[in-house]
Structures are given as C-alpha cells and as structure tokens.
Amino acid sequence: MKPLNYAILKHFTKVKEASAEDVIDALRGEYGKFKALNKEEVINALMTAEANGLLEESRFELNNKGELRIYFRAHAEGEEVINNFIES
C-alpha cells in the first residue's frame, strides 16, 4: 500500500479532474481507516501538490451545501513527474 499522499497524486493520473470529495470517495475503500482521509487534509495535500507544480485548478463550483468545491487536474508535465516517481 502506498502512502496516502502518493495515492492522492496517483489518482490524478487516472481521472480527468477531481475534487477533494471525489478523491475521498475514490480512496475510501483502501484508505478509509486513515485519519488523514478527510476533506481538510485532502485539500491541504491538493494545494501542496498545486504549489509544487504537480496539479492545477481546473474549475470551481458550489456543492449542494453552498460550499466552494475546487477541482484539480494533473497537467501533462505533472502527470509525467507523478508517474516517474510513484509506481502504479
């Protein structure tokens, strides 16, 4: 099993885009018992990946609770770096 942050990054090499909620849903089966698999920690991981040039924001919307939902995607260079450093 990969570290959670690696799994989060690797998820973006398999989807067009995802929000923190999407990542949590996708990883819940394997990482559901990890304390860090929560919205605040996943958003922190996504923003760190963005600051490090691996992900970029792709769009924004309000969810059904009126909260801002930010979607991220791995651009070509970011996906290449993720795939080079994190095995499948």
PDB file of N, CA and C in Angstrom:
ATOM      1  N   MET A   1       0.850  -1.181   0.000  1.00  0.00           N
ATOM      2  CA  MET A   1       0.000   0.000   0.000  1.00  0.00           C
ATOM      3  C   MET A   1       0.892   1.240   0.000  1.00  0.00           C
ATOM      4  N   LYS A   2       0.580   2.157  -0.888  1.00  0.00           N
ATOM      5  CA  LYS A   2       1.320   3.421  -0.992  1.00  0.00           C
ATOM      6  C   LYS A   2       0.945   4.353   0.164  1.00  0.00           C
ATOM      7  N   PRO A   3       1.819   5.286   0.517  1.00  0.00           N
ATOM      8  CA  PRO A   3       1.406   6.339   1.449  1.00  0.00           C
ATOM      9  C   PRO A   3       0.203   7.091   0.872  1.00  0.00           C
ATOM     10  N   LEU A   4      -0.646   7.598   1.734  1.00  0.00           N
ATOM     11  CA  LEU A   4      -1.872   8.267   1.303  1.00  0.00           C
ATOM     12  C   LEU A   4      -1.596   9.405   0.321  1.00  0.00           C
ATOM     13  N   ASN A   5      -0.614  10.246   0.598  1.00  0.00           N
ATOM     14  CA  ASN A   5      -0.336  11.364  -0.312  1.00  0.00           C
ATOM     15  C   ASN A   5       0.060  10.872  -1.697  1.00  0.00           C
ATOM     16  N   TYR A   6       0.774   9.766  -1.768  1.00  0.00           N
ATOM     17  CA  TYR A   6       1.119   9.183  -3.066  1.00  0.00           C
ATOM     18  C   TYR A   6      -0.138   8.711  -3.783  1.00  0.00           C
ATOM     19  N   ALA A   7      -1.033   8.058  -3.037  1.00  0.00           N
ATOM     20  CA  ALA A   7      -2.278   7.572  -3.638  1.00  0.00           C
ATOM     21  C   ALA A   7      -3.124   8.728  -4.152  1.00  0.00           C
ATOM     22  N   ILE A   8      -3.131   9.830  -3.407  1.00  0.00           N
ATOM     23  CA  ILE A   8      -3.879  11.012  -3.848  1.00  0.00           C
ATOM     24  C   ILE A   8      -3.319  11.508  -5.177  1.00  0.00           C
ATOM     25  N   LEU A   9      -2.009  11.673  -5.253  1.00  0.00           N
ATOM     26  CA  LEU A   9      -1.392  12.140  -6.501  1.00  0.00           C
ATOM     27  C   LEU A   9      -1.633  11.154  -7.639  1.00  0.00           C
ATOM     28  N   LYS A  10      -1.452   9.879  -7.371  1.00  0.00           N
ATOM     29  CA  LYS A  10      -1.603   8.867  -8.415  1.00  0.00           C
ATOM     30  C   LYS A  10      -3.034   8.850  -8.951  1.00  0.00           C
ATOM     31  N   HIS A  11      -4.006   9.155  -8.101  1.00  0.00           N
ATOM     32  CA  HIS A  11      -5.406   9.209  -8.531  1.00  0.00           C
ATOM     33  C   HIS A  11      -5.579  10.181  -9.708  1.00  0.00           C
ATOM     34  N   PHE A  12      -4.833  11.272  -9.676  1.00  0.00           N
ATOM     35  CA  PHE A  12      -4.976  12.285 -10.727  1.00  0.00           C
ATOM     36  C   PHE A  12      -4.374  11.858 -12.057  1.00  0.00           C
ATOM     37  N   THR A  13      -3.647  10.765 -12.080  1.00  0.00           N
ATOM     38  CA  THR A  13      -3.142  10.226 -13.349  1.00  0.00           C
ATOM     39  C   THR A  13      -4.168   9.286 -13.984  1.00  0.00           C
ATOM     40  N   LYS A  14      -5.258   9.033 -13.259  1.00  0.00           N
ATOM     41  CA  LYS A  14      -6.286   8.089 -13.724  1.00  0.00           C
ATOM     42  C   LYS A  14      -7.609   8.760 -14.053  1.00  0.00           C
ATOM     43  N   VAL A  15      -7.748  10.039 -13.701  1.00  0.00           N
ATOM     44  CA  VAL A  15      -9.001  10.759 -13.944  1.00  0.00           C
ATOM     45  C   VAL A  15      -8.710  12.085 -14.633  1.00  0.00           C
ATOM     46  N   LYS A  16      -9.729  12.627 -15.294  1.00  0.00           N
ATOM     47  CA  LYS A  16      -9.568  13.919 -15.966  1.00  0.00           C
ATOM     48  C   LYS A  16      -9.404  15.049 -14.951  1.00  0.00           C
ATOM     49  N   GLU A  17     -10.216  15.020 -13.895  1.00  0.00           N
ATOM     50  CA  GLU A  17     -10.168  16.005 -12.825  1.00  0.00           C
ATOM     51  C   GLU A  17     -10.890  15.430 -11.621  1.00  0.00           C
ATOM     52  N   ALA A  18     -10.657  16.021 -10.462  1.00  0.00           N
ATOM     53  CA  ALA A  18     -11.321  15.563  -9.239  1.00  0.00           C
ATOM     54  C   ALA A  18     -11.278  16.645  -8.177  1.00  0.00           C
ATOM     55  N   SER A  19     -12.285  16.619  -7.328  1.00  0.00           N
ATOM     56  CA  SER A  19     -12.321  17.495  -6.159  1.00  0.00           C
ATOM     57  C   SER A  19     -11.846  16.687  -4.957  1.00  0.00           C
ATOM     58  N   ALA A  20     -11.677  17.343  -3.829  1.00  0.00           N
ATOM     59  CA  ALA A  20     -11.281  16.636  -2.602  1.00  0.00           C
ATOM     60  C   ALA A  20     -12.300  15.555  -2.267  1.00  0.00           C
ATOM     61  N   GLU A  21     -13.579  15.864  -2.432  1.00  0.00           N
ATOM     62  CA  GLU A  21     -14.630  14.896  -2.150  1.00  0.00           C
ATOM     63  C   GLU A  21     -14.519  13.686  -3.073  1.00  0.00           C
ATOM     64  N   ASP A  22     -14.211  13.928  -4.349  1.00  0.00           N
ATOM     65  CA  ASP A  22     -14.039  12.831  -5.302  1.00  0.00           C
ATOM     66  C   ASP A  22     -12.871  11.935  -4.904  1.00  0.00           C
ATOM     67  N   VAL A  23     -11.782  12.545  -4.476  1.00  0.00           N
ATOM     68  CA  VAL A  23     -10.599  11.787  -4.049  1.00  0.00           C
ATOM     69  C   VAL A  23     -10.940  10.929  -2.842  1.00  0.00           C
ATOM     70  N   ILE A  24     -11.619  11.507  -1.873  1.00  0.00           N
ATOM     71  CA  ILE A  24     -12.002  10.759  -0.676  1.00  0.00           C
ATOM     72  C   ILE A  24     -12.873   9.566  -1.053  1.00  0.00           C
ATOM     73  N   ASP A  25     -13.860   9.788  -1.903  1.00  0.00           N
ATOM     74  CA  ASP A  25     -14.730   8.695  -2.336  1.00  0.00           C
ATOM     75  C   ASP A  25     -13.944   7.603  -3.048  1.00  0.00           C
ATOM     76  N   ALA A  26     -13.012   7.994  -3.904  1.00  0.00           N
ATOM     77  CA  ALA A  26     -12.236   7.027  -4.682  1.00  0.00           C
ATOM     78  C   ALA A  26     -11.291   6.210  -3.802  1.00  0.00           C
ATOM     79  N   LEU A  27     -10.750   6.811  -2.758  1.00  0.00           N
ATOM     80  CA  LEU A  27      -9.750   6.136  -1.929  1.00  0.00           C
ATOM     81  C   LEU A  27     -10.319   5.516  -0.653  1.00  0.00           C
ATOM     82  N   ARG A  28     -11.589   5.745  -0.394  1.00  0.00           N
ATOM     83  CA  ARG A  28     -12.202   5.275   0.855  1.00  0.00           C
ATOM     84  C   ARG A  28     -12.052   3.765   1.043  1.00  0.00           C
ATOM     85  N   GLY A  29     -12.197   2.984  -0.003  1.00  0.00           N
ATOM     86  CA  GLY A  29     -12.112   1.536   0.116  1.00  0.00           C
ATOM     87  C   GLY A  29     -10.779   1.062   0.672  1.00  0.00           C
ATOM     88  N   GLU A  30      -9.691   1.617   0.182  1.00  0.00           N
ATOM     89  CA  GLU A  30      -8.363   1.181   0.600  1.00  0.00           C
ATOM     90  C   GLU A  30      -7.811   1.988   1.780  1.00  0.00           C
ATOM     91  N   TYR A  31      -8.171   3.259   1.870  1.00  0.00           N
ATOM     92  CA  TYR A  31      -7.581   4.151   2.876  1.00  0.00           C
ATOM     93  C   TYR A  31      -8.601   4.674   3.884  1.00  0.00           C
ATOM     94  N   GLY A  32      -9.768   4.089   3.926  1.00  0.00           N
ATOM     95  CA  GLY A  32     -10.853   4.588   4.764  1.00  0.00           C
ATOM     96  C   GLY A  32     -10.538   4.690   6.241  1.00  0.00           C
ATOM     97  N   LYS A  33      -9.598   3.914   6.727  1.00  0.00           N
ATOM     98  CA  LYS A  33      -9.252   3.948   8.152  1.00  0.00           C
ATOM     99  C   LYS A  33      -8.163   4.969   8.480  1.00  0.00           C
ATOM    100  N   PHE A  34      -7.622   5.626   7.461  1.00  0.00           N
ATOM    101  CA  PHE A  34      -6.580   6.633   7.687  1.00  0.00           C
ATOM    102  C   PHE A  34      -7.225   7.917   8.211  1.00  0.00           C
ATOM    103  N   LYS A  35      -6.686   8.453   9.313  1.00  0.00           N
ATOM    104  CA  LYS A  35      -7.200   9.706   9.879  1.00  0.00           C
ATOM    105  C   LYS A  35      -7.098  10.862   8.892  1.00  0.00           C
ATOM    106  N   ALA A  36      -6.077  10.845   8.048  1.00  0.00           N
ATOM    107  CA  ALA A  36      -5.849  11.955   7.119  1.00  0.00           C
ATOM    108  C   ALA A  36      -6.769  11.916   5.902  1.00  0.00           C
ATOM    109  N   LEU A  37      -7.594  10.881   5.770  1.00  0.00           N
ATOM    110  CA  LEU A  37      -8.529  10.840   4.637  1.00  0.00           C
ATOM    111  C   LEU A  37      -9.792  11.594   5.033  1.00  0.00           C
ATOM    112  N   ASN A  38      -9.638  12.904   5.138  1.00  0.00           N
ATOM    113  CA  ASN A  38     -10.761  13.792   5.433  1.00  0.00           C
ATOM    114  C   ASN A  38     -10.606  15.028   4.555  1.00  0.00           C
ATOM    115  N   LYS A  39     -11.665  15.774   4.439  1.00  0.00           N
ATOM    116  CA  LYS A  39     -11.698  16.894   3.498  1.00  0.00           C
ATOM    117  C   LYS A  39     -10.570  17.898   3.743  1.00  0.00           C
ATOM    118  N   GLU A  40     -10.362  18.293   4.968  1.00  0.00           N
ATOM    119  CA  GLU A  40      -9.344  19.305   5.275  1.00  0.00           C
ATOM    120  C   GLU A  40      -7.942  18.827   4.879  1.00  0.00           C
ATOM    121  N   GLU A  41      -7.606  17.606   5.228  1.00  0.00           N
ATOM    122  CA  GLU A  41      -6.269  17.075   4.927  1.00  0.00           C
ATOM    123  C   GLU A  41      -6.079  16.831   3.433  1.00  0.00           C
ATOM    124  N   VAL A  42      -7.116  16.365   2.765  1.00  0.00           N
ATOM    125  CA  VAL A  42      -7.004  16.130   1.316  1.00  0.00           C
ATOM    126  C   VAL A  42      -6.869  17.458   0.578  1.00  0.00           C
ATOM    127  N   ILE A  43      -7.629  18.459   0.972  1.00  0.00           N
ATOM    128  CA  ILE A  43      -7.480  19.785   0.360  1.00  0.00           C
ATOM    129  C   ILE A  43      -6.064  20.304   0.577  1.00  0.00           C
ATOM    130  N   ASN A  44      -5.526  20.119   1.764  1.00  0.00           N
ATOM    131  CA  ASN A  44      -4.150  20.538   2.043  1.00  0.00           C
ATOM    132  C   ASN A  44      -3.166  19.819   1.112  1.00  0.00           C
ATOM    133  N   ALA A  45      -3.355  18.519   0.921  1.00  0.00           N
ATOM    134  CA  ALA A  45      -2.478  17.751   0.025  1.00  0.00           C
ATOM    135  C   ALA A  45      -2.604  18.247  -1.417  1.00  0.00           C
ATOM    136  N   LEU A  46      -3.827  18.560  -1.843  1.00  0.00           N
ATOM    137  CA  LEU A  46      -4.039  19.038  -3.215  1.00  0.00           C
ATOM    138  C   LEU A  46      -3.411  20.413  -3.424  1.00  0.00           C
ATOM    139  N   MET A  47      -3.549  21.283  -2.452  1.00  0.00           N
ATOM    140  CA  MET A  47      -2.977  22.617  -2.579  1.00  0.00           C
ATOM    141  C   MET A  47      -1.447  22.567  -2.541  1.00  0.00           C
ATOM    142  N   THR A  48      -0.891  21.637  -1.764  1.00  0.00           N
ATOM    143  CA  THR A  48       0.556  21.452  -1.732  1.00  0.00           C
ATOM    144  C   THR A  48       1.042  20.948  -3.085  1.00  0.00           C
ATOM    145  N   ALA A  49       0.316  19.992  -3.658  1.00  0.00           N
ATOM    146  CA  ALA A  49       0.682  19.468  -4.978  1.00  0.00           C
ATOM    147  C   ALA A  49       0.595  20.571  -6.029  1.00  0.00           C
ATOM    148  N   GLU A  50      -0.401  21.443  -5.898  1.00  0.00           N
ATOM    149  CA  GLU A  50      -0.522  22.567  -6.837  1.00  0.00           C
ATOM    150  C   GLU A  50       0.658  23.524  -6.669  1.00  0.00           C
ATOM    151  N   ALA A  51       1.004  23.834  -5.432  1.00  0.00           N
ATOM    152  CA  ALA A  51       2.120  24.749  -5.175  1.00  0.00           C
ATOM    153  C   ALA A  51       3.437  24.177  -5.682  1.00  0.00           C
ATOM    154  N   ASN A  52       3.547  22.853  -5.712  1.00  0.00           N
ATOM    155  CA  ASN A  52       4.754  22.193  -6.206  1.00  0.00           C
ATOM    156  C   ASN A  52       4.698  21.907  -7.700  1.00  0.00           C
ATOM    157  N   GLY A  53       3.662  22.381  -8.376  1.00  0.00           N
ATOM    158  CA  GLY A  53       3.576  22.269  -9.826  1.00  0.00           C
ATOM    159  C   GLY A  53       3.132  20.925 -10.362  1.00  0.00           C
ATOM    160  N   LEU A  54       2.569  20.058  -9.520  1.00  0.00           N
ATOM    161  CA  LEU A  54       2.118  18.752  -9.989  1.00  0.00           C
ATOM    162  C   LEU A  54       0.669  18.757 -10.446  1.00  0.00           C
ATOM    163  N   LEU A  55      -0.150  19.592  -9.824  1.00  0.00           N
ATOM    164  CA  LEU A  55      -1.571  19.711 -10.170  1.00  0.00           C
ATOM    165  C   LEU A  55      -1.897  21.163 -10.462  1.00  0.00           C
ATOM    166  N   GLU A  56      -3.035  21.364 -11.115  1.00  0.00           N
ATOM    167  CA  GLU A  56      -3.536  22.715 -11.334  1.00  0.00           C
ATOM    168  C   GLU A  56      -5.041  22.716 -11.119  1.00  0.00           C
ATOM    169  N   GLU A  57      -5.562  23.869 -10.722  1.00  0.00           N
ATOM    170  CA  GLU A  57      -7.008  24.002 -10.572  1.00  0.00           C
ATOM    171  C   GLU A  57      -7.632  23.981 -11.955  1.00  0.00           C
ATOM    172  N   SER A  58      -8.751  23.245 -12.081  1.00  0.00           N
ATOM    173  CA  SER A  58      -9.400  23.169 -13.388  1.00  0.00           C
ATOM    174  C   SER A  58     -10.743  23.894 -13.418  1.00  0.00           C
ATOM    175  N   ARG A  59     -11.464  23.900 -12.300  1.00  0.00           N
ATOM    176  CA  ARG A  59     -12.738  24.628 -12.248  1.00  0.00           C
ATOM    177  C   ARG A  59     -13.226  24.705 -10.811  1.00  0.00           C
ATOM    178  N   PHE A  60     -14.277  25.508 -10.605  1.00  0.00           N
ATOM    179  CA  PHE A  60     -14.877  25.718  -9.299  1.00  0.00           C
ATOM    180  C   PHE A  60     -16.385  25.581  -9.426  1.00  0.00           C
ATOM    181  N   GLU A  61     -17.033  25.193  -8.343  1.00  0.00           N
ATOM    182  CA  GLU A  61     -18.491  25.197  -8.282  1.00  0.00           C
ATOM    183  C   GLU A  61     -18.921  25.186  -6.827  1.00  0.00           C
ATOM    184  N   LEU A  62     -20.183  25.473  -6.594  1.00  0.00           N
ATOM    185  CA  LEU A  62     -20.740  25.354  -5.252  1.00  0.00           C
ATOM    186  C   LEU A  62     -21.397  23.993  -5.140  1.00  0.00           C
ATOM    187  N   ASN A  63     -21.149  23.292  -4.013  1.00  0.00           N
ATOM    188  CA  ASN A  63     -21.800  21.998  -3.837  1.00  0.00           C
ATOM    189  C   ASN A  63     -23.221  22.217  -3.325  1.00  0.00           C
ATOM    190  N   ASN A  64     -23.928  21.133  -3.031  1.00  0.00           N
ATOM    191  CA  ASN A  64     -25.327  21.255  -2.615  1.00  0.00           C
ATOM    192  C   ASN A  64     -25.496  21.907  -1.245  1.00  0.00           C
ATOM    193  N   LYS A  65     -24.405  22.104  -0.503  1.00  0.00           N
ATOM    194  CA  LYS A  65     -24.447  22.798   0.789  1.00  0.00           C
ATOM    195  C   LYS A  65     -24.030  24.258   0.655  1.00  0.00           C
ATOM    196  N   GLY A  66     -23.771  24.698  -0.576  1.00  0.00           N
ATOM    197  CA  GLY A  66     -23.332  26.063  -0.804  1.00  0.00           C
ATOM    198  C   GLY A  66     -21.858  26.287  -0.525  1.00  0.00           C
ATOM    199  N   GLU A  67     -21.093  25.207  -0.390  1.00  0.00           N
ATOM    200  CA  GLU A  67     -19.660  25.309  -0.141  1.00  0.00           C
ATOM    201  C   GLU A  67     -18.903  25.256  -1.464  1.00  0.00           C
ATOM    202  N   LEU A  68     -17.811  25.986  -1.513  1.00  0.00           N
ATOM    203  CA  LEU A  68     -16.981  26.007  -2.712  1.00  0.00           C
ATOM    204  C   LEU A  68     -16.297  24.657  -2.900  1.00  0.00           C
ATOM    205  N   ARG A  69     -16.410  24.100  -4.094  1.00  0.00           N
ATOM    206  CA  ARG A  69     -15.727  22.852  -4.447  1.00  0.00           C
ATOM    207  C   ARG A  69     -14.745  23.183  -5.566  1.00  0.00           C
ATOM    208  N   ILE A  70     -13.478  22.896  -5.317  1.00  0.00           N
ATOM    209  CA  ILE A  70     -12.418  23.166  -6.285  1.00  0.00           C
ATOM    210  C   ILE A  70     -11.997  21.854  -6.921  1.00  0.00           C
ATOM    211  N   TYR A  71     -11.929  21.845  -8.233  1.00  0.00           N
ATOM    212  CA  TYR A  71     -11.479  20.666  -8.972  1.00  0.00           C
ATOM    213  C   TYR A  71     -10.043  20.893  -9.427  1.00  0.00           C
ATOM    214  N   PHE A  72      -9.270  19.836  -9.358  1.00  0.00           N
ATOM    215  CA  PHE A  72      -7.872  19.861  -9.772  1.00  0.00           C
ATOM    216  C   PHE A  72      -7.661  18.831 -10.868  1.00  0.00           C
ATOM    217  N   ARG A  73      -6.591  19.017 -11.627  1.00  0.00           N
ATOM    218  CA  ARG A  73      -6.191  18.033 -12.633  1.00  0.00           C
ATOM    219  C   ARG A  73      -4.667  18.013 -12.698  1.00  0.00           C
ATOM    220  N   ALA A  74      -4.161  16.903 -13.183  1.00  0.00           N
ATOM    221  CA  ALA A  74      -2.718  16.794 -13.421  1.00  0.00           C
ATOM    222  C   ALA A  74      -2.479  17.203 -14.866  1.00  0.00           C
ATOM    223  N   HIS A  75      -1.729  18.262 -15.085  1.00  0.00           N
ATOM    224  CA  HIS A  75      -1.359  18.648 -16.444  1.00  0.00           C
ATOM    225  C   HIS A  75      -0.315  17.648 -16.941  1.00  0.00           C
ATOM    226  N   ALA A  76       0.037  17.696 -18.198  1.00  0.00           N
ATOM    227  CA  ALA A  76       0.919  16.687 -18.807  1.00  0.00           C
ATOM    228  C   ALA A  76       2.250  16.552 -18.073  1.00  0.00           C
ATOM    229  N   GLU A  77       2.874  17.664 -17.741  1.00  0.00           N
ATOM    230  CA  GLU A  77       4.168  17.610 -17.065  1.00  0.00           C
ATOM    231  C   GLU A  77       4.028  17.050 -15.652  1.00  0.00           C
ATOM    232  N   GLY A  78       2.973  17.475 -14.957  1.00  0.00           N
ATOM    233  CA  GLY A  78       2.734  16.975 -13.608  1.00  0.00           C
ATOM    234  C   GLY A  78       2.462  15.483 -13.606  1.00  0.00           C
ATOM    235  N   GLU A  79       1.666  15.028 -14.564  1.00  0.00           N
ATOM    236  CA  GLU A  79       1.370  13.597 -14.671  1.00  0.00           C
ATOM    237  C   GLU A  79       2.647  12.800 -14.939  1.00  0.00           C
ATOM    238  N   GLU A  80       3.498  13.334 -15.782  1.00  0.00           N
ATOM    239  CA  GLU A  80       4.763  12.657 -16.082  1.00  0.00           C
ATOM    240  C   GLU A  80       5.629  12.534 -14.833  1.00  0.00           C
ATOM    241  N   VAL A  81       5.726  13.609 -14.055  1.00  0.00           N
ATOM    242  CA  VAL A  81       6.519  13.579 -12.829  1.00  0.00           C
ATOM    243  C   VAL A  81       5.923  12.586 -11.831  1.00  0.00           C
ATOM    244  N   ILE A  82       4.604  12.633 -11.650  1.00  0.00           N
ATOM    245  CA  ILE A  82       3.954  11.702 -10.725  1.00  0.00           C
ATOM    246  C   ILE A  82       4.234  10.261 -11.138  1.00  0.00           C
ATOM    247  N   ASN A  83       4.056   9.950 -12.424  1.00  0.00           N
ATOM    248  CA  ASN A  83       4.263   8.575 -12.893  1.00  0.00           C
ATOM    249  C   ASN A  83       5.725   8.152 -12.804  1.00  0.00           C
ATOM    250  N   ASN A  84       6.654   9.076 -12.941  1.00  0.00           N
ATOM    251  CA  ASN A  84       8.073   8.732 -12.831  1.00  0.00           C
ATOM    252  C   ASN A  84       8.500   8.445 -11.392  1.00  0.00           C
ATOM    253  N   PHE A  85       7.846   9.075 -10.436  1.00  0.00           N
ATOM    254  CA  PHE A  85       8.276   8.932  -9.055  1.00  0.00           C
ATOM    255  C   PHE A  85       7.394   8.019  -8.209  1.00  0.00           C
ATOM    256  N   ILE A  86       6.193   7.748  -8.665  1.00  0.00           N
ATOM    257  CA  ILE A  86       5.296   6.878  -7.906  1.00  0.00           C
ATOM    258  C   ILE A  86       4.892   5.712  -8.797  1.00  0.00           C
ATOM    259  N   GLU A  87       5.244   4.518  -8.379  1.00  0.00           N
ATOM    260  CA  GLU A  87       4.893   3.337  -9.154  1.00  0.00           C
ATOM    261  C   GLU A  87       3.399   3.067  -9.077  1.00  0.00           C
ATOM    262  N   SER A  88       2.889   2.372 -10.056  1.00  0.00           N
ATOM    263  CA  SER A  88       1.446   2.043 -10.087  1.00  0.00           C
ATOM    264  C   SER A  88       1.022   1.160  -8.961  1.00  0.00           C
TER     265      SER A  88
END
